């Protein structure tokens, strides 16, 4: 029996899955099995998986489309180890990921844990810009946990691990299409388990490959935050309102400046954009990528803010049930 079970749901991403499997093949510590769950894809990954059968302890399962949460649960039900490690199919790993994880686990057997994500030199400028907007200190994206506030850390499913005991106690992921990982993290804590941020166990996360797809993703994330609030009322925090405040300021501030010719109203936001550009240009070593990062941040905050407001309108004001948008393009 392997020490870890790696579970990867995939939908129409055979090329990206191949990159992930290549990175698993190169691991310096290989005491893990790999379970790939094909979640109703029209572009199958069976041939990609077959090419790694002599290199990895790998299993492949195909099912009708259920969404990422139930697909991960299906993988858990096939796993043989006592720890389940979840990755998104658009990630790949540094070669010492499992070596670092094992070093942590030899000290403390964490019941639930997660790690950060980074960009890689192979990413396009748009992917680098999106990664900056999702992980920067100057935005609300990325991991909000820190060594001083680990009790607030919620592992995300692109890089997340749980014990078999946690899975059995919580029932695994819900049927939510967005926010299902945060929902699980909150239920893990309600069951009395702790979570840990393992900062050395990072992944390279490609995320979305275009700004339009990125906007759809963060719009649904905004909706998901209200869906999560309805399930877990204490989970909503002041920081979650920042994208909405930003969006309203951007819309009404710009309109006021244009109508009254009072451009000083927008000076704070322009200063914010300059800080983003400067910081992103340094971190990506590219002025162009820095500019793209500013645009990506605007999309991230405005998309999330608009989705958040739509969630408030439909879930809280109108009292309707759980929902999300862009259903046909969920995985695209």
C-alpha atoms as a PDB file:
ATOM      1  CA  UNK A   1       0.000   0.000   0.000  1.00  0.00           C
ATOM      2  CA  UNK A   2       1.307   3.438  -0.961  1.00  0.00           C
ATOM      3  CA  UNK A   3       1.721   6.144   1.656  1.00  0.00           C
ATOM      4  CA  UNK A   4      -0.262   8.711  -0.365  1.00  0.00           C
ATOM      5  CA  UNK A   5      -3.030   8.577  -2.950  1.00  0.00           C
ATOM      6  CA  UNK A   6      -2.829  11.354  -5.546  1.00  0.00           C
ATOM      7  CA  UNK A   7      -6.289  12.153  -6.917  1.00  0.00           C
ATOM      8  CA  UNK A   8      -6.694  14.238 -10.083  1.00  0.00           C
ATOM      9  CA  UNK A   9     -10.092  15.004 -11.643  1.00  0.00           C
ATOM     10  CA  UNK A  10      -9.812  15.968 -15.292  1.00  0.00           C
ATOM     11  CA  UNK A  11     -12.173  17.406 -17.877  1.00  0.00           C
ATOM     12  CA  UNK A  12     -10.996  17.937 -21.482  1.00  0.00           C
ATOM     13  CA  UNK A  13      -7.392  18.612 -20.484  1.00  0.00           C
ATOM     14  CA  UNK A  14      -5.237  15.707 -21.714  1.00  0.00           C
ATOM     15  CA  UNK A  15      -2.258  17.941 -22.568  1.00  0.00           C
ATOM     16  CA  UNK A  16      -2.178  19.580 -19.152  1.00  0.00           C
ATOM     17  CA  UNK A  17      -2.684  16.249 -17.414  1.00  0.00           C
ATOM     18  CA  UNK A  18       0.367  14.958 -19.267  1.00  0.00           C
ATOM     19  CA  UNK A  19       2.454  17.785 -17.770  1.00  0.00           C
ATOM     20  CA  UNK A  20       1.198  16.881 -14.302  1.00  0.00           C
ATOM     21  CA  UNK A  21       1.971  13.189 -14.744  1.00  0.00           C
ATOM     22  CA  UNK A  22       5.446  14.011 -16.042  1.00  0.00           C
ATOM     23  CA  UNK A  23       6.102  16.017 -12.894  1.00  0.00           C
ATOM     24  CA  UNK A  24       4.885  13.108 -10.758  1.00  0.00           C
ATOM     25  CA  UNK A  25       7.208  10.763 -12.638  1.00  0.00           C
ATOM     26  CA  UNK A  26      10.165  13.021 -11.735  1.00  0.00           C
ATOM     27  CA  UNK A  27       9.480  13.088  -7.992  1.00  0.00           C
ATOM     28  CA  UNK A  28      12.454  12.242  -5.771  1.00  0.00           C
ATOM     29  CA  UNK A  29      10.080  10.446  -3.388  1.00  0.00           C
ATOM     30  CA  UNK A  30       7.588   8.121  -5.104  1.00  0.00           C
ATOM     31  CA  UNK A  31       5.658   6.355  -2.367  1.00  0.00           C
ATOM     32  CA  UNK A  32       2.289   7.268  -3.884  1.00  0.00           C
ATOM     33  CA  UNK A  33      -0.375   5.937  -6.203  1.00  0.00           C
ATOM     34  CA  UNK A  34      -2.091   8.126  -8.807  1.00  0.00           C
ATOM     35  CA  UNK A  35      -5.835   8.046  -9.469  1.00  0.00           C
ATOM     36  CA  UNK A  36      -7.145   9.956 -12.491  1.00  0.00           C
ATOM     37  CA  UNK A  37     -10.901  10.493 -12.663  1.00  0.00           C
ATOM     38  CA  UNK A  38     -12.178  11.445 -16.117  1.00  0.00           C
ATOM     39  CA  UNK A  39     -15.273  13.529 -15.368  1.00  0.00           C
ATOM     40  CA  UNK A  40     -17.378  13.192 -18.520  1.00  0.00           C
ATOM     41  CA  UNK A  41     -14.778  14.581 -20.924  1.00  0.00           C
ATOM     42  CA  UNK A  42     -15.282  14.699 -24.666  1.00  0.00           C
ATOM     43  CA  UNK A  43     -11.490  14.814 -25.078  1.00  0.00           C
ATOM     44  CA  UNK A  44     -10.365  11.741 -23.180  1.00  0.00           C
ATOM     45  CA  UNK A  45      -7.096  11.333 -21.295  1.00  0.00           C
ATOM     46  CA  UNK A  46      -6.987   7.526 -21.420  1.00  0.00           C
ATOM     47  CA  UNK A  47      -4.090   7.417 -23.900  1.00  0.00           C
ATOM     48  CA  UNK A  48      -2.089   9.905 -21.852  1.00  0.00           C
ATOM     49  CA  UNK A  49      -2.613   7.823 -18.711  1.00  0.00           C
ATOM     50  CA  UNK A  50      -1.720   4.614 -20.561  1.00  0.00           C
ATOM     51  CA  UNK A  51       1.648   6.109 -21.554  1.00  0.00           C
ATOM     52  CA  UNK A  52       2.563   6.367 -17.855  1.00  0.00           C
ATOM     53  CA  UNK A  53       1.473   2.907 -16.744  1.00  0.00           C
ATOM     54  CA  UNK A  54       5.055   1.610 -16.742  1.00  0.00           C
ATOM     55  CA  UNK A  55       6.341   4.731 -14.940  1.00  0.00           C
ATOM     56  CA  UNK A  56       3.769   5.334 -12.208  1.00  0.00           C
ATOM     57  CA  UNK A  57       1.403   3.324 -10.042  1.00  0.00           C
ATOM     58  CA  UNK A  58      -1.559   4.826 -11.857  1.00  0.00           C
ATOM     59  CA  UNK A  59      -5.266   4.024 -12.183  1.00  0.00           C
ATOM     60  CA  UNK A  60      -7.796   5.546 -14.562  1.00  0.00           C
ATOM     61  CA  UNK A  61     -11.548   5.832 -14.048  1.00  0.00           C
ATOM     62  CA  UNK A  62     -14.105   7.392 -16.376  1.00  0.00           C
ATOM     63  CA  UNK A  63     -17.567   8.583 -15.381  1.00  0.00           C
ATOM     64  CA  UNK A  64     -20.346  10.907 -16.507  1.00  0.00           C
ATOM     65  CA  UNK A  65     -19.888  14.555 -15.576  1.00  0.00           C
ATOM     66  CA  UNK A  66     -20.583  15.269 -11.906  1.00  0.00           C
ATOM     67  CA  UNK A  67     -18.360  18.273 -11.175  1.00  0.00           C
ATOM     68  CA  UNK A  68     -14.984  18.467  -9.424  1.00  0.00           C
ATOM     69  CA  UNK A  69     -16.143  17.622  -5.880  1.00  0.00           C
ATOM     70  CA  UNK A  70     -17.923  14.320  -6.595  1.00  0.00           C
ATOM     71  CA  UNK A  71     -15.141  13.399  -9.045  1.00  0.00           C
ATOM     72  CA  UNK A  72     -12.580  13.754  -6.252  1.00  0.00           C
ATOM     73  CA  UNK A  73     -14.797  11.700  -3.949  1.00  0.00           C
ATOM     74  CA  UNK A  74     -14.921   8.976  -6.600  1.00  0.00           C
ATOM     75  CA  UNK A  75     -11.127   8.932  -6.550  1.00  0.00           C
ATOM     76  CA  UNK A  76     -11.088   8.723  -2.752  1.00  0.00           C
ATOM     77  CA  UNK A  77     -13.373   5.689  -2.903  1.00  0.00           C
ATOM     78  CA  UNK A  78     -10.784   3.923  -5.068  1.00  0.00           C
ATOM     79  CA  UNK A  79      -7.761   4.985  -2.983  1.00  0.00           C
ATOM     80  CA  UNK A  80      -5.792   2.486  -0.897  1.00  0.00           C
ATOM     81  CA  UNK A  81      -3.670   4.822   1.253  1.00  0.00           C
ATOM     82  CA  UNK A  82      -4.458   6.722   4.435  1.00  0.00           C
ATOM     83  CA  UNK A  83      -3.797  10.152   2.904  1.00  0.00           C
ATOM     84  CA  UNK A  84      -5.506  11.675  -0.138  1.00  0.00           C
ATOM     85  CA  UNK A  85      -3.660  14.424  -2.037  1.00  0.00           C
ATOM     86  CA  UNK A  86      -5.698  16.500  -4.499  1.00  0.00           C
ATOM     87  CA  UNK A  87      -4.284  18.416  -7.455  1.00  0.00           C
ATOM     88  CA  UNK A  88      -5.990  20.198 -10.323  1.00  0.00           C
ATOM     89  CA  UNK A  89      -5.118  18.899 -13.768  1.00  0.00           C
ATOM     90  CA  UNK A  90      -3.674  22.298 -14.761  1.00  0.00           C
ATOM     91  CA  UNK A  91      -0.945  22.061 -12.113  1.00  0.00           C
ATOM     92  CA  UNK A  92       2.473  20.449 -12.083  1.00  0.00           C
ATOM     93  CA  UNK A  93       4.950  19.901  -9.259  1.00  0.00           C
ATOM     94  CA  UNK A  94       8.559  20.675  -8.402  1.00  0.00           C
ATOM     95  CA  UNK A  95      10.503  17.431  -8.203  1.00  0.00           C
ATOM     96  CA  UNK A  96      10.870  17.545  -4.393  1.00  0.00           C
ATOM     97  CA  UNK A  97       7.196  18.123  -3.588  1.00  0.00           C
ATOM     98  CA  UNK A  98       6.607  14.719  -1.992  1.00  0.00           C
ATOM     99  CA  UNK A  99      10.031  14.708  -0.367  1.00  0.00           C
ATOM    100  CA  UNK A 100       9.129  17.991   1.362  1.00  0.00           C
ATOM    101  CA  UNK A 101       5.662  16.691   2.250  1.00  0.00           C
ATOM    102  CA  UNK A 102       7.165  13.587   3.802  1.00  0.00           C
ATOM    103  CA  UNK A 103       9.515  15.692   5.913  1.00  0.00           C
ATOM    104  CA  UNK A 104       6.537  17.601   7.293  1.00  0.00           C
ATOM    105  CA  UNK A 105       4.489  14.458   7.896  1.00  0.00           C
ATOM    106  CA  UNK A 106       7.357  12.705   9.691  1.00  0.00           C
ATOM    107  CA  UNK A 107       7.248  15.509  12.267  1.00  0.00           C
ATOM    108  CA  UNK A 108       3.459  15.908  12.573  1.00  0.00           C
ATOM    109  CA  UNK A 109       0.746  13.847  10.908  1.00  0.00           C
ATOM    110  CA  UNK A 110      -1.530  16.693   9.837  1.00  0.00           C
ATOM    111  CA  UNK A 111      -5.157  15.631   9.318  1.00  0.00           C
ATOM    112  CA  UNK A 112      -5.648  18.303   6.617  1.00  0.00           C
ATOM    113  CA  UNK A 113      -3.155  20.523   4.852  1.00  0.00           C
ATOM    114  CA  UNK A 114      -2.464  22.536   1.756  1.00  0.00           C
ATOM    115  CA  UNK A 115       0.223  24.524   0.027  1.00  0.00           C
ATOM    116  CA  UNK A 116       0.607  27.642  -2.115  1.00  0.00           C
ATOM    117  CA  UNK A 117       0.888  27.978  -5.878  1.00  0.00           C
ATOM    118  CA  UNK A 118       3.493  29.735  -7.999  1.00  0.00           C
ATOM    119  CA  UNK A 119       4.104  30.569 -11.625  1.00  0.00           C
ATOM    120  CA  UNK A 120       6.783  29.022 -13.812  1.00  0.00           C
ATOM    121  CA  UNK A 121       9.040  30.380 -16.542  1.00  0.00           C
ATOM    122  CA  UNK A 122       7.110  28.287 -19.074  1.00  0.00           C
ATOM    123  CA  UNK A 123       3.879  30.217 -18.424  1.00  0.00           C
ATOM    124  CA  UNK A 124       2.612  32.742 -20.947  1.00  0.00           C
ATOM    125  CA  UNK A 125       2.576  36.406 -19.976  1.00  0.00           C
ATOM    126  CA  UNK A 126      -1.188  36.220 -19.460  1.00  0.00           C
ATOM    127  CA  UNK A 127      -0.822  33.204 -17.178  1.00  0.00           C
ATOM    128  CA  UNK A 128       1.897  34.995 -15.215  1.00  0.00           C
ATOM    129  CA  UNK A 129      -0.325  38.062 -14.898  1.00  0.00           C
ATOM    130  CA  UNK A 130      -3.275  35.990 -13.706  1.00  0.00           C
ATOM    131  CA  UNK A 131      -1.049  34.177 -11.234  1.00  0.00           C
ATOM    132  CA  UNK A 132       0.131  37.521  -9.852  1.00  0.00           C
ATOM    133  CA  UNK A 133      -3.417  38.788  -9.381  1.00  0.00           C
ATOM    134  CA  UNK A 134      -4.422  35.570  -7.613  1.00  0.00           C
ATOM    135  CA  UNK A 135      -1.445  35.421  -5.226  1.00  0.00           C
ATOM    136  CA  UNK A 136      -0.259  38.984  -4.626  1.00  0.00           C
ATOM    137  CA  UNK A 137      -0.250  40.648  -1.219  1.00  0.00           C
ATOM    138  CA  UNK A 138      -1.904  43.649  -2.901  1.00  0.00           C
ATOM    139  CA  UNK A 139      -5.017  41.707  -3.961  1.00  0.00           C
ATOM    140  CA  UNK A 140      -7.470  39.434  -2.171  1.00  0.00           C
ATOM    141  CA  UNK A 141      -6.372  36.432  -4.220  1.00  0.00           C
ATOM    142  CA  UNK A 142      -4.334  33.415  -3.263  1.00  0.00           C
ATOM    143  CA  UNK A 143      -3.709  31.978   0.157  1.00  0.00           C
ATOM    144  CA  UNK A 144      -4.669  34.261   3.049  1.00  0.00           C
ATOM    145  CA  UNK A 145      -3.135  32.049   5.721  1.00  0.00           C
ATOM    146  CA  UNK A 146       0.117  32.862   7.445  1.00  0.00           C
ATOM    147  CA  UNK A 147       2.272  31.396  10.167  1.00  0.00           C
ATOM    148  CA  UNK A 148       0.552  33.806  12.573  1.00  0.00           C
ATOM    149  CA  UNK A 149      -2.990  32.825  11.602  1.00  0.00           C
ATOM    150  CA  UNK A 150      -2.999  29.173  10.572  1.00  0.00           C
ATOM    151  CA  UNK A 151      -6.337  28.625  12.231  1.00  0.00           C
ATOM    152  CA  UNK A 152      -7.828  30.769   9.444  1.00  0.00           C
ATOM    153  CA  UNK A 153      -6.144  28.824   6.646  1.00  0.00           C
ATOM    154  CA  UNK A 154      -8.495  26.979   4.312  1.00  0.00           C
ATOM    155  CA  UNK A 155      -6.679  24.538   1.981  1.00  0.00           C
ATOM    156  CA  UNK A 156      -7.634  24.856  -1.696  1.00  0.00           C
ATOM    157  CA  UNK A 157      -8.241  21.835  -3.887  1.00  0.00           C
ATOM    158  CA  UNK A 158      -5.530  22.642  -6.438  1.00  0.00           C
ATOM    159  CA  UNK A 159      -3.042  21.619  -3.713  1.00  0.00           C
ATOM    160  CA  UNK A 160      -4.723  19.937  -0.765  1.00  0.00           C
ATOM    161  CA  UNK A 161      -4.406  16.839   1.372  1.00  0.00           C
ATOM    162  CA  UNK A 162      -6.648  15.116   3.899  1.00  0.00           C
ATOM    163  CA  UNK A 163      -6.443  11.931   5.921  1.00  0.00           C
ATOM    164  CA  UNK A 164      -8.805   9.037   5.416  1.00  0.00           C
ATOM    165  CA  UNK A 165     -10.242   9.797   8.858  1.00  0.00           C
ATOM    166  CA  UNK A 166     -11.108  13.341   7.729  1.00  0.00           C
ATOM    167  CA  UNK A 167     -12.737  12.033   4.550  1.00  0.00           C
ATOM    168  CA  UNK A 168     -14.867   9.550   6.471  1.00  0.00           C
ATOM    169  CA  UNK A 169     -15.868  12.132   9.100  1.00  0.00           C
ATOM    170  CA  UNK A 170     -16.855  14.830   6.577  1.00  0.00           C
ATOM    171  CA  UNK A 171     -18.049  12.744   3.643  1.00  0.00           C
ATOM    172  CA  UNK A 172     -15.572  14.520   1.380  1.00  0.00           C
ATOM    173  CA  UNK A 173     -16.450  17.238  -1.097  1.00  0.00           C
ATOM    174  CA  UNK A 174     -19.965  18.552  -1.632  1.00  0.00           C
ATOM    175  CA  UNK A 175     -21.716  18.932  -4.991  1.00  0.00           C
ATOM    176  CA  UNK A 176     -20.884  22.665  -5.132  1.00  0.00           C
ATOM    177  CA  UNK A 177     -19.272  23.500  -8.469  1.00  0.00           C
ATOM    178  CA  UNK A 178     -17.410  26.487  -7.062  1.00  0.00           C
ATOM    179  CA  UNK A 179     -16.160  26.920  -3.515  1.00  0.00           C
ATOM    180  CA  UNK A 180     -16.390  23.189  -2.820  1.00  0.00           C
ATOM    181  CA  UNK A 181     -12.868  23.162  -1.381  1.00  0.00           C
ATOM    182  CA  UNK A 182     -13.570  26.007   1.055  1.00  0.00           C
ATOM    183  CA  UNK A 183     -16.813  24.275   2.029  1.00  0.00           C
ATOM    184  CA  UNK A 184     -14.847  21.118   2.841  1.00  0.00           C
ATOM    185  CA  UNK A 185     -12.205  23.077   4.781  1.00  0.00           C
ATOM    186  CA  UNK A 186     -14.904  24.693   6.919  1.00  0.00           C
ATOM    187  CA  UNK A 187     -16.561  21.347   7.595  1.00  0.00           C
ATOM    188  CA  UNK A 188     -13.169  19.856   8.504  1.00  0.00           C
ATOM    189  CA  UNK A 189     -12.801  22.482  11.218  1.00  0.00           C
ATOM    190  CA  UNK A 190     -16.358  21.948  12.436  1.00  0.00           C
ATOM    191  CA  UNK A 191     -15.484  18.261  12.916  1.00  0.00           C
ATOM    192  CA  UNK A 192     -12.621  19.315  15.193  1.00  0.00           C
ATOM    193  CA  UNK A 193      -9.693  18.693  12.827  1.00  0.00           C
ATOM    194  CA  UNK A 194      -6.901  21.218  12.331  1.00  0.00           C
ATOM    195  CA  UNK A 195      -5.471  22.471   9.038  1.00  0.00           C
ATOM    196  CA  UNK A 196      -1.880  23.309   8.165  1.00  0.00           C
ATOM    197  CA  UNK A 197      -0.207  25.493   5.562  1.00  0.00           C
ATOM    198  CA  UNK A 198       2.872  23.690   4.243  1.00  0.00           C
ATOM    199  CA  UNK A 199       4.669  26.562   2.553  1.00  0.00           C
ATOM    200  CA  UNK A 200       7.409  24.397   0.983  1.00  0.00           C
ATOM    201  CA  UNK A 201       4.863  22.139  -0.720  1.00  0.00           C
ATOM    202  CA  UNK A 202       3.933  24.432  -3.577  1.00  0.00           C
ATOM    203  CA  UNK A 203       2.651  23.684  -7.062  1.00  0.00           C
ATOM    204  CA  UNK A 204       2.945  25.467 -10.391  1.00  0.00           C
ATOM    205  CA  UNK A 205      -0.626  26.421 -11.273  1.00  0.00           C
ATOM    206  CA  UNK A 206      -1.369  27.375 -14.869  1.00  0.00           C
ATOM    207  CA  UNK A 207      -4.881  28.591 -14.054  1.00  0.00           C
ATOM    208  CA  UNK A 208      -6.849  30.053 -16.988  1.00  0.00           C
ATOM    209  CA  UNK A 209      -5.224  30.669 -20.369  1.00  0.00           C
ATOM    210  CA  UNK A 210      -7.254  33.735 -21.365  1.00  0.00           C
ATOM    211  CA  UNK A 211      -8.662  36.801 -19.645  1.00  0.00           C
ATOM    212  CA  UNK A 212     -12.226  35.915 -20.653  1.00  0.00           C
ATOM    213  CA  UNK A 213     -12.027  32.477 -19.033  1.00  0.00           C
ATOM    214  CA  UNK A 214     -10.395  34.041 -15.989  1.00  0.00           C
ATOM    215  CA  UNK A 215     -13.253  36.539 -15.659  1.00  0.00           C
ATOM    216  CA  UNK A 216     -15.827  33.733 -15.781  1.00  0.00           C
ATOM    217  CA  UNK A 217     -13.918  31.862 -13.083  1.00  0.00           C
ATOM    218  CA  UNK A 218     -13.707  34.773 -10.638  1.00  0.00           C
ATOM    219  CA  UNK A 219     -17.315  35.801 -11.340  1.00  0.00           C
ATOM    220  CA  UNK A 220     -18.404  32.358 -10.184  1.00  0.00           C
ATOM    221  CA  UNK A 221     -16.056  32.634  -7.204  1.00  0.00           C
ATOM    222  CA  UNK A 222     -17.932  35.766  -6.147  1.00  0.00           C
ATOM    223  CA  UNK A 223     -21.235  33.899  -6.375  1.00  0.00           C
ATOM    224  CA  UNK A 224     -19.702  30.981  -4.487  1.00  0.00           C
ATOM    225  CA  UNK A 225     -18.801  33.213  -1.562  1.00  0.00           C
ATOM    226  CA  UNK A 226     -22.504  33.947  -1.001  1.00  0.00           C
ATOM    227  CA  UNK A 227     -23.375  30.275  -1.510  1.00  0.00           C
ATOM    228  CA  UNK A 228     -20.796  29.504   1.176  1.00  0.00           C
ATOM    229  CA  UNK A 229     -22.280  32.168   3.445  1.00  0.00           C
ATOM    230  CA  UNK A 230     -25.676  30.470   3.221  1.00  0.00           C
ATOM    231  CA  UNK A 231     -24.066  27.167   4.236  1.00  0.00           C
ATOM    232  CA  UNK A 232     -21.628  28.648   6.767  1.00  0.00           C
ATOM    233  CA  UNK A 233     -22.838  32.076   7.988  1.00  0.00           C
ATOM    234  CA  UNK A 234     -19.715  32.732  10.090  1.00  0.00           C
ATOM    235  CA  UNK A 235     -17.425  32.302   7.065  1.00  0.00           C
ATOM    236  CA  UNK A 236     -18.180  35.735   5.571  1.00  0.00           C
ATOM    237  CA  UNK A 237     -15.503  38.288   6.533  1.00  0.00           C
ATOM    238  CA  UNK A 238     -14.954  42.002   5.818  1.00  0.00           C
ATOM    239  CA  UNK A 239     -12.213  41.241   3.255  1.00  0.00           C
ATOM    240  CA  UNK A 240     -14.779  39.467   1.068  1.00  0.00           C
ATOM    241  CA  UNK A 241     -16.526  42.815   0.488  1.00  0.00           C
ATOM    242  CA  UNK A 242     -13.396  44.524  -0.870  1.00  0.00           C
ATOM    243  CA  UNK A 243     -13.898  43.472  -4.535  1.00  0.00           C
ATOM    244  CA  UNK A 244     -17.469  44.828  -4.430  1.00  0.00           C
ATOM    245  CA  UNK A 245     -16.286  48.144  -2.973  1.00  0.00           C
ATOM    246  CA  UNK A 246     -13.564  48.259  -5.643  1.00  0.00           C
ATOM    247  CA  UNK A 247     -16.096  47.541  -8.401  1.00  0.00           C
ATOM    248  CA  UNK A 248     -18.556  50.200  -7.244  1.00  0.00           C
ATOM    249  CA  UNK A 249     -15.737  52.725  -6.861  1.00  0.00           C
ATOM    250  CA  UNK A 250     -14.457  51.920 -10.352  1.00  0.00           C
ATOM    251  CA  UNK A 251     -17.914  52.302 -11.945  1.00  0.00           C
ATOM    252  CA  UNK A 252     -19.283  55.312 -10.102  1.00  0.00           C
ATOM    253  CA  UNK A 253     -15.929  57.031  -9.605  1.00  0.00           C
ATOM    254  CA  UNK A 254     -15.174  56.893 -13.324  1.00  0.00           C
ATOM    255  CA  UNK A 255     -18.679  58.097 -14.194  1.00  0.00           C
ATOM    256  CA  UNK A 256     -18.368  60.996 -11.726  1.00  0.00           C
ATOM    257  CA  UNK A 257     -14.935  61.960 -13.049  1.00  0.00           C
ATOM    258  CA  UNK A 258     -16.158  61.947 -16.656  1.00  0.00           C
ATOM    259  CA  UNK A 259     -19.359  63.862 -15.957  1.00  0.00           C
ATOM    260  CA  UNK A 260     -17.998  66.469 -13.537  1.00  0.00           C
ATOM    261  CA  UNK A 261     -14.395  66.544 -14.845  1.00  0.00           C
ATOM    262  CA  UNK A 262     -13.142  65.900 -11.315  1.00  0.00           C
ATOM    263  CA  UNK A 263     -10.379  63.413 -11.997  1.00  0.00           C
ATOM    264  CA  UNK A 264      -8.979  63.711  -8.486  1.00  0.00           C
ATOM    265  CA  UNK A 265     -11.750  61.306  -7.446  1.00  0.00           C
ATOM    266  CA  UNK A 266      -9.828  58.528  -9.217  1.00  0.00           C
ATOM    267  CA  UNK A 267      -6.358  59.391  -7.866  1.00  0.00           C
ATOM    268  CA  UNK A 268      -6.417  56.718  -5.099  1.00  0.00           C
ATOM    269  CA  UNK A 269      -7.257  54.018  -7.634  1.00  0.00           C
ATOM    270  CA  UNK A 270      -4.609  55.262 -10.058  1.00  0.00           C
ATOM    271  CA  UNK A 271      -2.065  55.117  -7.220  1.00  0.00           C
ATOM    272  CA  UNK A 272      -3.175  51.562  -6.497  1.00  0.00           C
ATOM    273  CA  UNK A 273      -2.665  50.618 -10.160  1.00  0.00           C
ATOM    274  CA  UNK A 274       0.838  52.166 -10.133  1.00  0.00           C
ATOM    275  CA  UNK A 275       1.763  50.144  -7.048  1.00  0.00           C
ATOM    276  CA  UNK A 276       0.496  46.982  -8.724  1.00  0.00           C
ATOM    277  CA  UNK A 277       2.400  47.732 -11.929  1.00  0.00           C
ATOM    278  CA  UNK A 278       5.633  48.436 -10.062  1.00  0.00           C
ATOM    279  CA  UNK A 279       5.366  45.354  -7.847  1.00  0.00           C
ATOM    280  CA  UNK A 280       4.301  42.998 -10.652  1.00  0.00           C
ATOM    281  CA  UNK A 281       7.001  44.285 -13.008  1.00  0.00           C
ATOM    282  CA  UNK A 282       9.667  43.534 -10.416  1.00  0.00           C
ATOM    283  CA  UNK A 283       8.305  40.095  -9.539  1.00  0.00           C
ATOM    284  CA  UNK A 284       7.849  39.019 -13.162  1.00  0.00           C
ATOM    285  CA  UNK A 285      10.922  40.881 -14.497  1.00  0.00           C
ATOM    286  CA  UNK A 286       8.771  42.356 -17.246  1.00  0.00           C
ATOM    287  CA  UNK A 287       7.123  45.753 -17.610  1.00  0.00           C
ATOM    288  CA  UNK A 288       4.652  44.275 -20.103  1.00  0.00           C
ATOM    289  CA  UNK A 289       3.669  41.476 -17.748  1.00  0.00           C
ATOM    290  CA  UNK A 290       3.367  44.111 -15.044  1.00  0.00           C
ATOM    291  CA  UNK A 291       0.794  45.978 -17.142  1.00  0.00           C
ATOM    292  CA  UNK A 292      -1.054  42.752 -17.873  1.00  0.00           C
ATOM    293  CA  UNK A 293      -1.046  42.039 -14.145  1.00  0.00           C
ATOM    294  CA  UNK A 294      -2.822  45.332 -13.488  1.00  0.00           C
ATOM    295  CA  UNK A 295      -5.481  44.369 -16.030  1.00  0.00           C
ATOM    296  CA  UNK A 296      -5.754  40.873 -14.538  1.00  0.00           C
ATOM    297  CA  UNK A 297      -6.243  42.387 -11.085  1.00  0.00           C
ATOM    298  CA  UNK A 298      -9.010  44.651 -12.384  1.00  0.00           C
ATOM    299  CA  UNK A 299     -10.709  41.602 -13.911  1.00  0.00           C
ATOM    300  CA  UNK A 300     -10.231  39.581 -10.744  1.00  0.00           C
ATOM    301  CA  UNK A 301     -11.683  42.211  -8.400  1.00  0.00           C
ATOM    302  CA  UNK A 302     -14.448  43.399 -10.744  1.00  0.00           C
ATOM    303  CA  UNK A 303     -15.446  39.859 -11.747  1.00  0.00           C
ATOM    304  CA  UNK A 304     -15.545  38.678  -8.155  1.00  0.00           C
ATOM    305  CA  UNK A 305     -17.357  41.849  -7.047  1.00  0.00           C
ATOM    306  CA  UNK A 306     -20.042  41.513  -9.741  1.00  0.00           C
ATOM    307  CA  UNK A 307     -20.546  37.842  -8.935  1.00  0.00           C
ATOM    308  CA  UNK A 308     -20.703  38.666  -5.223  1.00  0.00           C
ATOM    309  CA  UNK A 309     -23.413  41.274  -5.852  1.00  0.00           C
ATOM    310  CA  UNK A 310     -25.386  38.871  -8.046  1.00  0.00           C
ATOM    311  CA  UNK A 311     -25.128  36.277  -5.292  1.00  0.00           C
ATOM    312  CA  UNK A 312     -26.484  38.741  -2.724  1.00  0.00           C
ATOM    313  CA  UNK A 313     -29.370  39.664  -5.032  1.00  0.00           C
ATOM    314  CA  UNK A 314     -30.443  36.105  -5.844  1.00  0.00           C
ATOM    315  CA  UNK A 315     -29.605  34.245  -2.620  1.00  0.00           C
ATOM    316  CA  UNK A 316     -30.278  36.851   0.069  1.00  0.00           C
ATOM    317  CA  UNK A 317     -32.706  39.396  -1.383  1.00  0.00           C
ATOM    318  CA  UNK A 318     -34.759  37.086  -3.625  1.00  0.00           C
ATOM    319  CA  UNK A 319     -34.214  34.029  -1.430  1.00  0.00           C
ATOM    320  CA  UNK A 320     -33.441  31.657  -4.298  1.00  0.00           C
ATOM    321  CA  UNK A 321     -31.389  28.479  -4.170  1.00  0.00           C
ATOM    322  CA  UNK A 322     -27.736  27.762  -4.846  1.00  0.00           C
ATOM    323  CA  UNK A 323     -26.536  28.647  -8.355  1.00  0.00           C
ATOM    324  CA  UNK A 324     -23.567  29.501 -10.539  1.00  0.00           C
ATOM    325  CA  UNK A 325     -23.147  31.014 -14.016  1.00  0.00           C
ATOM    326  CA  UNK A 326     -21.393  30.083 -17.290  1.00  0.00           C
ATOM    327  CA  UNK A 327     -22.467  26.464 -16.863  1.00  0.00           C
ATOM    328  CA  UNK A 328     -21.455  25.410 -20.373  1.00  0.00           C
ATOM    329  CA  UNK A 329     -17.956  26.779 -19.853  1.00  0.00           C
ATOM    330  CA  UNK A 330     -17.325  25.601 -16.311  1.00  0.00           C
ATOM    331  CA  UNK A 331     -14.135  23.704 -17.088  1.00  0.00           C
ATOM    332  CA  UNK A 332     -13.125  25.612 -20.251  1.00  0.00           C
END
